[in-house]
Amino acid sequence: MGHSFIVEMEEVSMDWGAMLVVVSAISGIVLGWLGRARTVHKDVAQEAGAGASLQTDVEYIKRGVDDIKVDLRMQGQKVDDLSTRVTRVEESAKQAHKRIDKLEE
């Protein structure tokens, strides 16, 4: 009985040791997985923030380009108006030169 009791105790202690190893392995896997999930969640949040910032910057640039287009159209209209006025002045000067030439004759 003494010898079989020692054998049974060794088997029980081996079972507890094996269980401890299994529990440790499982807890390590679970903790590793949770840590990875947390890191992935943080990465996604950072990427979303960076994406939102980038989108805001793009929208700001679009508004700036739209403003430049409006200014360019206004400048084009001013150039057209000035071109028309120069043409009229040239025509008027031509008529004035013809009248002066007639007076000199």
PDB file of N, CA and C in Angstrom:
ATOM      1  N   MET A   1       0.807  -1.186   0.000  1.00  0.00           N
ATOM      2  CA  MET A   1       0.000   0.000   0.000  1.00  0.00           C
ATOM      3  C   MET A   1       0.852   1.252   0.000  1.00  0.00           C
ATOM      4  N   GLY A   2       1.929   1.273   0.676  1.00  0.00           N
ATOM      5  CA  GLY A   2       2.792   2.439   0.743  1.00  0.00           C
ATOM      6  C   GLY A   2       3.379   2.792  -0.606  1.00  0.00           C
ATOM      7  N   HIS A   3       3.793   1.749  -1.312  1.00  0.00           N
ATOM      8  CA  HIS A   3       4.413   1.984  -2.618  1.00  0.00           C
ATOM      9  C   HIS A   3       3.358   2.436  -3.635  1.00  0.00           C
ATOM     10  N   SER A   4       2.174   1.874  -3.634  1.00  0.00           N
ATOM     11  CA  SER A   4       1.144   2.249  -4.579  1.00  0.00           C
ATOM     12  C   SER A   4       0.633   3.666  -4.275  1.00  0.00           C
ATOM     13  N   PHE A   5       0.646   4.060  -2.990  1.00  0.00           N
ATOM     14  CA  PHE A   5       0.245   5.412  -2.626  1.00  0.00           C
ATOM     15  C   PHE A   5       1.215   6.437  -3.222  1.00  0.00           C
ATOM     16  N   ILE A   6       2.503   6.134  -3.169  1.00  0.00           N
ATOM     17  CA  ILE A   6       3.526   7.022  -3.740  1.00  0.00           C
ATOM     18  C   ILE A   6       3.353   7.098  -5.242  1.00  0.00           C
ATOM     19  N   VAL A   7       3.072   5.994  -5.888  1.00  0.00           N
ATOM     20  CA  VAL A   7       2.864   5.978  -7.337  1.00  0.00           C
ATOM     21  C   VAL A   7       1.636   6.806  -7.673  1.00  0.00           C
ATOM     22  N   GLU A   8       0.559   6.660  -6.890  1.00  0.00           N
ATOM     23  CA  GLU A   8      -0.650   7.432  -7.143  1.00  0.00           C
ATOM     24  C   GLU A   8      -0.389   8.918  -6.927  1.00  0.00           C
ATOM     25  N   MET A   9       0.378   9.255  -5.930  1.00  0.00           N
ATOM     26  CA  MET A   9       0.708  10.667  -5.667  1.00  0.00           C
ATOM     27  C   MET A   9       1.534  11.238  -6.813  1.00  0.00           C
ATOM     28  N   GLU A  10       2.463  10.460  -7.332  1.00  0.00           N
ATOM     29  CA  GLU A  10       3.265  10.922  -8.466  1.00  0.00           C
ATOM     30  C   GLU A  10       2.388  11.143  -9.683  1.00  0.00           C
ATOM     31  N   GLU A  11       1.419  10.244  -9.916  1.00  0.00           N
ATOM     32  CA  GLU A  11       0.517  10.391 -11.051  1.00  0.00           C
ATOM     33  C   GLU A  11      -0.355  11.626 -10.882  1.00  0.00           C
ATOM     34  N   VAL A  12      -0.823  11.854  -9.657  1.00  0.00           N
ATOM     35  CA  VAL A  12      -1.645  13.027  -9.386  1.00  0.00           C
ATOM     36  C   VAL A  12      -0.820  14.293  -9.575  1.00  0.00           C
ATOM     37  N   SER A  13       0.407  14.302  -9.053  1.00  0.00           N
ATOM     38  CA  SER A  13       1.231  15.489  -9.209  1.00  0.00           C
ATOM     39  C   SER A  13       1.600  15.700 -10.672  1.00  0.00           C
ATOM     40  N   MET A  14       1.750  14.624 -11.443  1.00  0.00           N
ATOM     41  CA  MET A  14       2.026  14.764 -12.874  1.00  0.00           C
ATOM     42  C   MET A  14       0.797  15.311 -13.581  1.00  0.00           C
ATOM     43  N   ASP A  15      -0.396  14.845 -13.169  1.00  0.00           N
ATOM     44  CA  ASP A  15      -1.624  15.355 -13.765  1.00  0.00           C
ATOM     45  C   ASP A  15      -1.770  16.856 -13.488  1.00  0.00           C
ATOM     46  N   TRP A  16      -1.472  17.242 -12.235  1.00  0.00           N
ATOM     47  CA  TRP A  16      -1.547  18.673 -11.908  1.00  0.00           C
ATOM     48  C   TRP A  16      -0.502  19.453 -12.697  1.00  0.00           C
ATOM     49  N   GLY A  17       0.651  18.900 -12.858  1.00  0.00           N
ATOM     50  CA  GLY A  17       1.702  19.566 -13.632  1.00  0.00           C
ATOM     51  C   GLY A  17       1.317  19.706 -15.087  1.00  0.00           C
ATOM     52  N   ALA A  18       0.746  18.627 -15.641  1.00  0.00           N
ATOM     53  CA  ALA A  18       0.297  18.658 -17.033  1.00  0.00           C
ATOM     54  C   ALA A  18      -0.827  19.664 -17.198  1.00  0.00           C
ATOM     55  N   MET A  19      -1.741  19.695 -16.243  1.00  0.00           N
ATOM     56  CA  MET A  19      -2.843  20.654 -16.304  1.00  0.00           C
ATOM     57  C   MET A  19      -2.321  22.086 -16.206  1.00  0.00           C
ATOM     58  N   LEU A  20      -1.330  22.276 -15.339  1.00  0.00           N
ATOM     59  CA  LEU A  20      -0.740  23.604 -15.193  1.00  0.00           C
ATOM     60  C   LEU A  20      -0.081  24.037 -16.504  1.00  0.00           C
ATOM     61  N   VAL A  21       0.588  23.132 -17.172  1.00  0.00           N
ATOM     62  CA  VAL A  21       1.221  23.442 -18.455  1.00  0.00           C
ATOM     63  C   VAL A  21       0.161  23.797 -19.498  1.00  0.00           C
ATOM     64  N   VAL A  22      -0.911  23.004 -19.546  1.00  0.00           N
ATOM     65  CA  VAL A  22      -1.984  23.254 -20.514  1.00  0.00           C
ATOM     66  C   VAL A  22      -2.658  24.585 -20.233  1.00  0.00           C
ATOM     67  N   VAL A  23      -2.974  24.839 -18.962  1.00  0.00           N
ATOM     68  CA  VAL A  23      -3.616  26.107 -18.588  1.00  0.00           C
ATOM     69  C   VAL A  23      -2.691  27.277 -18.914  1.00  0.00           C
ATOM     70  N   SER A  24      -1.418  27.145 -18.636  1.00  0.00           N
ATOM     71  CA  SER A  24      -0.459  28.213 -18.941  1.00  0.00           C
ATOM     72  C   SER A  24      -0.391  28.465 -20.439  1.00  0.00           C
ATOM     73  N   ALA A  25      -0.364  27.406 -21.216  1.00  0.00           N
ATOM     74  CA  ALA A  25      -0.309  27.554 -22.674  1.00  0.00           C
ATOM     75  C   ALA A  25      -1.561  28.236 -23.202  1.00  0.00           C
ATOM     76  N   ILE A  26      -2.713  27.804 -22.703  1.00  0.00           N
ATOM     77  CA  ILE A  26      -3.972  28.399 -23.162  1.00  0.00           C
ATOM     78  C   ILE A  26      -4.048  29.865 -22.754  1.00  0.00           C
ATOM     79  N   SER A  27      -3.661  30.178 -21.513  1.00  0.00           N
ATOM     80  CA  SER A  27      -3.713  31.577 -21.078  1.00  0.00           C
ATOM     81  C   SER A  27      -2.730  32.418 -21.883  1.00  0.00           C
ATOM     82  N   GLY A  28      -1.584  31.868 -22.225  1.00  0.00           N
ATOM     83  CA  GLY A  28      -0.629  32.604 -23.054  1.00  0.00           C
ATOM     84  C   GLY A  28      -1.195  32.903 -24.427  1.00  0.00           C
ATOM     85  N   ILE A  29      -1.871  31.912 -25.002  1.00  0.00           N
ATOM     86  CA  ILE A  29      -2.494  32.112 -26.318  1.00  0.00           C
ATOM     87  C   ILE A  29      -3.585  33.170 -26.235  1.00  0.00           C
ATOM     88  N   VAL A  30      -4.428  33.070 -25.208  1.00  0.00           N
ATOM     89  CA  VAL A  30      -5.532  34.031 -25.048  1.00  0.00           C
ATOM     90  C   VAL A  30      -4.987  35.437 -24.836  1.00  0.00           C
ATOM     91  N   LEU A  31      -4.016  35.589 -23.951  1.00  0.00           N
ATOM     92  CA  LEU A  31      -3.447  36.919 -23.691  1.00  0.00           C
ATOM     93  C   LEU A  31      -2.757  37.469 -24.941  1.00  0.00           C
ATOM     94  N   GLY A  32      -2.066  36.615 -25.667  1.00  0.00           N
ATOM     95  CA  GLY A  32      -1.427  37.054 -26.912  1.00  0.00           C
ATOM     96  C   GLY A  32      -2.456  37.506 -27.931  1.00  0.00           C
ATOM     97  N   TRP A  33      -3.521  36.748 -28.054  1.00  0.00           N
ATOM     98  CA  TRP A  33      -4.574  37.099 -28.999  1.00  0.00           C
ATOM     99  C   TRP A  33      -5.249  38.414 -28.613  1.00  0.00           C
ATOM    100  N   LEU A  34      -5.519  38.596 -27.325  1.00  0.00           N
ATOM    101  CA  LEU A  34      -6.132  39.843 -26.856  1.00  0.00           C
ATOM    102  C   LEU A  34      -5.207  41.042 -27.105  1.00  0.00           C
ATOM    103  N   GLY A  35      -3.932  40.844 -26.869  1.00  0.00           N
ATOM    104  CA  GLY A  35      -2.973  41.923 -27.124  1.00  0.00           C
ATOM    105  C   GLY A  35      -2.904  42.279 -28.590  1.00  0.00           C
ATOM    106  N   ARG A  36      -2.941  41.265 -29.440  1.00  0.00           N
ATOM    107  CA  ARG A  36      -2.910  41.506 -30.885  1.00  0.00           C
ATOM    108  C   ARG A  36      -4.176  42.232 -31.333  1.00  0.00           C
ATOM    109  N   ALA A  37      -5.331  41.791 -30.803  1.00  0.00           N
ATOM    110  CA  ALA A  37      -6.600  42.430 -31.158  1.00  0.00           C
ATOM    111  C   ALA A  37      -6.597  43.893 -30.727  1.00  0.00           C
ATOM    112  N   ARG A  38      -6.037  44.162 -29.571  1.00  0.00           N
ATOM    113  CA  ARG A  38      -5.964  45.550 -29.085  1.00  0.00           C
ATOM    114  C   ARG A  38      -5.075  46.392 -29.989  1.00  0.00           C
ATOM    115  N   THR A  39      -3.951  45.833 -30.393  1.00  0.00           N
ATOM    116  CA  THR A  39      -3.037  46.549 -31.280  1.00  0.00           C
ATOM    117  C   THR A  39      -3.691  46.821 -32.629  1.00  0.00           C
ATOM    118  N   VAL A  40      -4.392  45.823 -33.159  1.00  0.00           N
ATOM    119  CA  VAL A  40      -5.090  46.002 -34.437  1.00  0.00           C
ATOM    120  C   VAL A  40      -6.147  47.088 -34.302  1.00  0.00           C
ATOM    121  N   HIS A  41      -6.867  47.093 -33.197  1.00  0.00           N
ATOM    122  CA  HIS A  41      -7.900  48.112 -32.968  1.00  0.00           C
ATOM    123  C   HIS A  41      -7.280  49.509 -32.923  1.00  0.00           C
ATOM    124  N   LYS A  42      -6.155  49.649 -32.232  1.00  0.00           N
ATOM    125  CA  LYS A  42      -5.470  50.944 -32.164  1.00  0.00           C
ATOM    126  C   LYS A  42      -4.984  51.375 -33.550  1.00  0.00           C
ATOM    127  N   ASP A  43      -4.438  50.421 -34.308  1.00  0.00           N
ATOM    128  CA  ASP A  43      -3.961  50.741 -35.657  1.00  0.00           C
ATOM    129  C   ASP A  43      -5.099  51.221 -36.550  1.00  0.00           C
ATOM    130  N   VAL A  44      -6.237  50.561 -36.448  1.00  0.00           N
ATOM    131  CA  VAL A  44      -7.395  50.952 -37.253  1.00  0.00           C
ATOM    132  C   VAL A  44      -7.849  52.357 -36.866  1.00  0.00           C
ATOM    133  N   ALA A  45      -7.862  52.644 -35.578  1.00  0.00           N
ATOM    134  CA  ALA A  45      -8.270  53.975 -35.118  1.00  0.00           C
ATOM    135  C   ALA A  45      -7.299  55.040 -35.608  1.00  0.00           C
ATOM    136  N   GLN A  46      -6.007  54.752 -35.567  1.00  0.00           N
ATOM    137  CA  GLN A  46      -5.014  55.715 -36.047  1.00  0.00           C
ATOM    138  C   GLN A  46      -5.146  55.937 -37.544  1.00  0.00           C
ATOM    139  N   GLU A  47      -5.355  54.861 -38.295  1.00  0.00           N
ATOM    140  CA  GLU A  47      -5.514  54.992 -39.738  1.00  0.00           C
ATOM    141  C   GLU A  47      -6.772  55.776 -40.084  1.00  0.00           C
ATOM    142  N   ALA A  48      -7.827  55.567 -39.327  1.00  0.00           N
ATOM    143  CA  ALA A  48      -9.066  56.310 -39.564  1.00  0.00           C
ATOM    144  C   ALA A  48      -8.844  57.795 -39.295  1.00  0.00           C
ATOM    145  N   GLY A  49      -8.134  58.096 -38.229  1.00  0.00           N
ATOM    146  CA  GLY A  49      -7.833  59.502 -37.921  1.00  0.00           C
ATOM    147  C   GLY A  49      -6.975  60.130 -38.999  1.00  0.00           C
ATOM    148  N   ALA A  50      -5.983  59.395 -39.474  1.00  0.00           N
ATOM    149  CA  ALA A  50      -5.120  59.910 -40.540  1.00  0.00           C
ATOM    150  C   ALA A  50      -5.918  60.083 -41.823  1.00  0.00           C
ATOM    151  N   GLY A  51      -6.813  59.148 -42.105  1.00  0.00           N
ATOM    152  CA  GLY A  51      -7.649  59.249 -43.298  1.00  0.00           C
ATOM    153  C   GLY A  51      -8.579  60.449 -43.233  1.00  0.00           C
ATOM    154  N   ALA A  52      -9.137  60.704 -42.070  1.00  0.00           N
ATOM    155  CA  ALA A  52     -10.025  61.853 -41.902  1.00  0.00           C
ATOM    156  C   ALA A  52      -9.245  63.152 -42.073  1.00  0.00           C
ATOM    157  N   SER A  53      -8.051  63.194 -41.526  1.00  0.00           N
ATOM    158  CA  SER A  53      -7.210  64.386 -41.668  1.00  0.00           C
ATOM    159  C   SER A  53      -6.850  64.608 -43.133  1.00  0.00           C
ATOM    160  N   LEU A  54      -6.518  63.549 -43.817  1.00  0.00           N
ATOM    161  CA  LEU A  54      -6.176  63.639 -45.238  1.00  0.00           C
ATOM    162  C   LEU A  54      -7.378  64.107 -46.044  1.00  0.00           C
ATOM    163  N   GLN A  55      -8.560  63.580 -45.726  1.00  0.00           N
ATOM    164  CA  GLN A  55      -9.778  63.986 -46.425  1.00  0.00           C
ATOM    165  C   GLN A  55     -10.049  65.477 -46.203  1.00  0.00           C
ATOM    166  N   THR A  56      -9.846  65.956 -44.986  1.00  0.00           N
ATOM    167  CA  THR A  56     -10.035  67.373 -44.683  1.00  0.00           C
ATOM    168  C   THR A  56      -9.068  68.226 -45.496  1.00  0.00           C
ATOM    169  N   ASP A  57      -7.815  67.781 -45.573  1.00  0.00           N
ATOM    170  CA  ASP A  57      -6.823  68.520 -46.355  1.00  0.00           C
ATOM    171  C   ASP A  57      -7.197  68.558 -47.832  1.00  0.00           C
ATOM    172  N   VAL A  58      -7.677  67.451 -48.362  1.00  0.00           N
ATOM    173  CA  VAL A  58      -8.078  67.396 -49.775  1.00  0.00           C
ATOM    174  C   VAL A  58      -9.251  68.337 -50.024  1.00  0.00           C
ATOM    175  N   GLU A  59     -10.213  68.353 -49.114  1.00  0.00           N
ATOM    176  CA  GLU A  59     -11.361  69.252 -49.259  1.00  0.00           C
ATOM    177  C   GLU A  59     -10.905  70.710 -49.238  1.00  0.00           C
ATOM    178  N   TYR A  60      -9.962  71.041 -48.365  1.00  0.00           N
ATOM    179  CA  TYR A  60      -9.436  72.402 -48.295  1.00  0.00           C
ATOM    180  C   TYR A  60      -8.760  72.778 -49.617  1.00  0.00           C
ATOM    181  N   ILE A  61      -7.995  71.855 -50.174  1.00  0.00           N
ATOM    182  CA  ILE A  61      -7.326  72.113 -51.448  1.00  0.00           C
ATOM    183  C   ILE A  61      -8.352  72.284 -52.564  1.00  0.00           C
ATOM    184  N   LYS A  62      -9.408  71.463 -52.568  1.00  0.00           N
ATOM    185  CA  LYS A  62     -10.457  71.597 -53.587  1.00  0.00           C
ATOM    186  C   LYS A  62     -11.100  72.974 -53.533  1.00  0.00           C
ATOM    187  N   ARG A  63     -11.396  73.441 -52.318  1.00  0.00           N
ATOM    188  CA  ARG A  63     -12.004  74.777 -52.189  1.00  0.00           C
ATOM    189  C   ARG A  63     -11.056  75.848 -52.697  1.00  0.00           C
ATOM    190  N   GLY A  64      -9.765  75.689 -52.414  1.00  0.00           N
ATOM    191  CA  GLY A  64      -8.777  76.650 -52.905  1.00  0.00           C
ATOM    192  C   GLY A  64      -8.719  76.656 -54.420  1.00  0.00           C
ATOM    193  N   VAL A  65      -8.750  75.482 -55.028  1.00  0.00           N
ATOM    194  CA  VAL A  65      -8.728  75.387 -56.491  1.00  0.00           C
ATOM    195  C   VAL A  65      -9.987  76.020 -57.074  1.00  0.00           C
ATOM    196  N   ASP A  66     -11.135  75.773 -56.446  1.00  0.00           N
ATOM    197  CA  ASP A  66     -12.386  76.378 -56.925  1.00  0.00           C
ATOM    198  C   ASP A  66     -12.307  77.898 -56.851  1.00  0.00           C
ATOM    199  N   ASP A  67     -11.748  78.432 -55.767  1.00  0.00           N
ATOM    200  CA  ASP A  67     -11.585  79.885 -55.636  1.00  0.00           C
ATOM    201  C   ASP A  67     -10.674  80.423 -56.729  1.00  0.00           C
ATOM    202  N   ILE A  68      -9.605  79.714 -57.021  1.00  0.00           N
ATOM    203  CA  ILE A  68      -8.671  80.149 -58.072  1.00  0.00           C
ATOM    204  C   ILE A  68      -9.370  80.142 -59.429  1.00  0.00           C
ATOM    205  N   LYS A  69     -10.205  79.122 -59.682  1.00  0.00           N
ATOM    206  CA  LYS A  69     -10.939  79.070 -60.953  1.00  0.00           C
ATOM    207  C   LYS A  69     -11.858  80.280 -61.104  1.00  0.00           C
ATOM    208  N   VAL A  70     -12.555  80.628 -60.025  1.00  0.00           N
ATOM    209  CA  VAL A  70     -13.456  81.790 -60.066  1.00  0.00           C
ATOM    210  C   VAL A  70     -12.647  83.057 -60.348  1.00  0.00           C
ATOM    211  N   ASP A  71     -11.523  83.222 -59.642  1.00  0.00           N
ATOM    212  CA  ASP A  71     -10.676  84.398 -59.863  1.00  0.00           C
ATOM    213  C   ASP A  71     -10.164  84.440 -61.300  1.00  0.00           C
ATOM    214  N   LEU A  72      -9.798  83.289 -61.842  1.00  0.00           N
ATOM    215  CA  LEU A  72      -9.287  83.224 -63.208  1.00  0.00           C
ATOM    216  C   LEU A  72     -10.363  83.620 -64.211  1.00  0.00           C
ATOM    217  N   ARG A  73     -11.593  83.162 -63.982  1.00  0.00           N
ATOM    218  CA  ARG A  73     -12.704  83.554 -64.873  1.00  0.00           C
ATOM    219  C   ARG A  73     -12.927  85.061 -64.824  1.00  0.00           C
ATOM    220  N   MET A  74     -12.867  85.628 -63.607  1.00  0.00           N
ATOM    221  CA  MET A  74     -13.055  87.076 -63.478  1.00  0.00           C
ATOM    222  C   MET A  74     -11.939  87.825 -64.193  1.00  0.00           C
ATOM    223  N   GLN A  75     -10.719  87.353 -64.070  1.00  0.00           N
ATOM    224  CA  GLN A  75      -9.599  88.008 -64.763  1.00  0.00           C
ATOM    225  C   GLN A  75      -9.765  87.885 -66.273  1.00  0.00           C
ATOM    226  N   GLY A  76     -10.218  86.729 -66.739  1.00  0.00           N
ATOM    227  CA  GLY A  76     -10.466  86.544 -68.173  1.00  0.00           C
ATOM    228  C   GLY A  76     -11.513  87.530 -68.678  1.00  0.00           C
ATOM    229  N   GLN A  77     -12.572  87.723 -67.883  1.00  0.00           N
ATOM    230  CA  GLN A  77     -13.622  88.679 -68.265  1.00  0.00           C
ATOM    231  C   GLN A  77     -13.060  90.096 -68.324  1.00  0.00           C
ATOM    232  N   LYS A  78     -12.212  90.443 -67.353  1.00  0.00           N
ATOM    233  CA  LYS A  78     -11.595  91.777 -67.355  1.00  0.00           C
ATOM    234  C   LYS A  78     -10.707  91.973 -68.578  1.00  0.00           C
ATOM    235  N   VAL A  79      -9.961  90.942 -68.956  1.00  0.00           N
ATOM    236  CA  VAL A  79      -9.106  91.031 -70.145  1.00  0.00           C
ATOM    237  C   VAL A  79      -9.966  91.208 -71.385  1.00  0.00           C
ATOM    238  N   ASP A  80     -11.078  90.467 -71.468  1.00  0.00           N
ATOM    239  CA  ASP A  80     -11.982  90.625 -72.609  1.00  0.00           C
ATOM    240  C   ASP A  80     -12.546  92.036 -72.680  1.00  0.00           C
ATOM    241  N   ASP A  81     -12.947  92.579 -71.526  1.00  0.00           N
ATOM    242  CA  ASP A  81     -13.474  93.942 -71.484  1.00  0.00           C
ATOM    243  C   ASP A  81     -12.420  94.953 -71.925  1.00  0.00           C
ATOM    244  N   LEU A  82     -11.192  94.787 -71.434  1.00  0.00           N
ATOM    245  CA  LEU A  82     -10.108  95.701 -71.822  1.00  0.00           C
ATOM    246  C   LEU A  82      -9.794  95.569 -73.312  1.00  0.00           C
ATOM    247  N   SER A  83      -9.839  94.378 -73.837  1.00  0.00           N
ATOM    248  CA  SER A  83      -9.586  94.160 -75.261  1.00  0.00           C
ATOM    249  C   SER A  83     -10.619  94.901 -76.099  1.00  0.00           C
ATOM    250  N   THR A  84     -11.871  94.824 -75.675  1.00  0.00           N
ATOM    251  CA  THR A  84     -12.943  95.540 -76.382  1.00  0.00           C
ATOM    252  C   THR A  84     -12.705  97.050 -76.323  1.00  0.00           C
ATOM    253  N   ARG A  85     -12.325  97.548 -75.155  1.00  0.00           N
ATOM    254  CA  ARG A  85     -12.074  98.989 -75.011  1.00  0.00           C
ATOM    255  C   ARG A  85     -10.886  99.439 -75.854  1.00  0.00           C
ATOM    256  N   VAL A  86      -9.821  98.637 -75.909  1.00  0.00           N
ATOM    257  CA  VAL A  86      -8.648  98.988 -76.722  1.00  0.00           C
ATOM    258  C   VAL A  86      -9.030  99.026 -78.193  1.00  0.00           C
ATOM    259  N   THR A  87      -9.847  98.071 -78.617  1.00  0.00           N
ATOM    260  CA  THR A  87     -10.295  98.058 -80.014  1.00  0.00           C
ATOM    261  C   THR A  87     -11.076  99.327 -80.340  1.00  0.00           C
ATOM    262  N   ARG A  88     -11.943  99.754 -79.450  1.00  0.00           N
ATOM    263  CA  ARG A  88     -12.717 100.992 -79.664  1.00  0.00           C
ATOM    264  C   ARG A  88     -11.802 102.207 -79.705  1.00  0.00           C
ATOM    265  N   VAL A  89     -10.818 102.247 -78.806  1.00  0.00           N
ATOM    266  CA  VAL A  89      -9.886 103.377 -78.791  1.00  0.00           C
ATOM    267  C   VAL A  89      -9.074 103.402 -80.088  1.00  0.00           C
ATOM    268  N   GLU A  90      -8.645 102.242 -80.553  1.00  0.00           N
ATOM    269  CA  GLU A  90      -7.894 102.180 -81.804  1.00  0.00           C
ATOM    270  C   GLU A  90      -8.742 102.679 -82.969  1.00  0.00           C
ATOM    271  N   GLU A  91     -10.028 102.256 -83.007  1.00  0.00           N
ATOM    272  CA  GLU A  91     -10.929 102.712 -84.059  1.00  0.00           C
ATOM    273  C   GLU A  91     -11.125 104.224 -83.986  1.00  0.00           C
ATOM    274  N   SER A  92     -11.278 104.722 -82.767  1.00  0.00           N
ATOM    275  CA  SER A  92     -11.458 106.165 -82.583  1.00  0.00           C
ATOM    276  C   SER A  92     -10.211 106.924 -83.022  1.00  0.00           C
ATOM    277  N   ALA A  93      -9.025 106.388 -82.668  1.00  0.00           N
ATOM    278  CA  ALA A  93      -7.779 107.055 -83.073  1.00  0.00           C
ATOM    279  C   ALA A  93      -7.633 107.032 -84.589  1.00  0.00           C
ATOM    280  N   LYS A  94      -8.025 105.940 -85.211  1.00  0.00           N
ATOM    281  CA  LYS A  94      -7.952 105.844 -86.677  1.00  0.00           C
ATOM    282  C   LYS A  94      -8.853 106.898 -87.313  1.00  0.00           C
ATOM    283  N   GLN A  95     -10.085 107.025 -86.770  1.00  0.00           N
ATOM    284  CA  GLN A  95     -11.011 108.049 -87.291  1.00  0.00           C
ATOM    285  C   GLN A  95     -10.444 109.452 -87.080  1.00  0.00           C
ATOM    286  N   ALA A  96      -9.825 109.680 -85.912  1.00  0.00           N
ATOM    287  CA  ALA A  96      -9.248 111.000 -85.630  1.00  0.00           C
ATOM    288  C   ALA A  96      -8.120 111.290 -86.598  1.00  0.00           C
ATOM    289  N   HIS A  97      -7.277 110.317 -86.906  1.00  0.00           N
ATOM    290  CA  HIS A  97      -6.188 110.534 -87.865  1.00  0.00           C
ATOM    291  C   HIS A  97      -6.725 110.845 -89.250  1.00  0.00           C
ATOM    292  N   LYS A  98      -7.812 110.179 -89.631  1.00  0.00           N
ATOM    293  CA  LYS A  98      -8.402 110.479 -90.950  1.00  0.00           C
ATOM    294  C   LYS A  98      -8.907 111.913 -90.985  1.00  0.00           C
ATOM    295  N   ARG A  99      -9.541 112.359 -89.896  1.00  0.00           N
ATOM    296  CA  ARG A  99     -10.046 113.753 -89.864  1.00  0.00           C
ATOM    297  C   ARG A  99      -8.897 114.745 -89.890  1.00  0.00           C
ATOM    298  N   ILE A 100      -7.816 114.430 -89.165  1.00  0.00           N
ATOM    299  CA  ILE A 100      -6.661 115.334 -89.169  1.00  0.00           C
ATOM    300  C   ILE A 100      -6.037 115.399 -90.551  1.00  0.00           C
ATOM    301  N   ASP A 101      -5.933 114.247 -91.204  1.00  0.00           N
ATOM    302  CA  ASP A 101      -5.369 114.220 -92.561  1.00  0.00           C
ATOM    303  C   ASP A 101      -6.216 115.050 -93.515  1.00  0.00           C
ATOM    304  N   LYS A 102      -7.552 115.014 -93.363  1.00  0.00           N
ATOM    305  CA  LYS A 102      -8.432 115.813 -94.228  1.00  0.00           C
ATOM    306  C   LYS A 102      -8.230 117.286 -93.951  1.00  0.00           C
ATOM    307  N   LEU A 103      -8.014 117.672 -92.700  1.00  0.00           N
ATOM    308  CA  LEU A 103      -7.811 119.076 -92.364  1.00  0.00           C
ATOM    309  C   LEU A 103      -6.497 119.591 -92.942  1.00  0.00           C
ATOM    310  N   GLU A 104      -5.474 118.755 -92.985  1.00  0.00           N
ATOM    311  CA  GLU A 104      -4.165 119.167 -93.480  1.00  0.00           C
ATOM    312  C   GLU A 104      -4.184 119.309 -94.981  1.00  0.00           C
ATOM    313  N   GLU A 105      -5.091 118.680 -95.659  1.00  0.00           N
ATOM    314  CA  GLU A 105      -5.124 118.774 -97.112  1.00  0.00           C
ATOM    315  C   GLU A 105      -5.653 120.052 -97.547  1.00  0.00           C
TER     316      GLU A 105
END
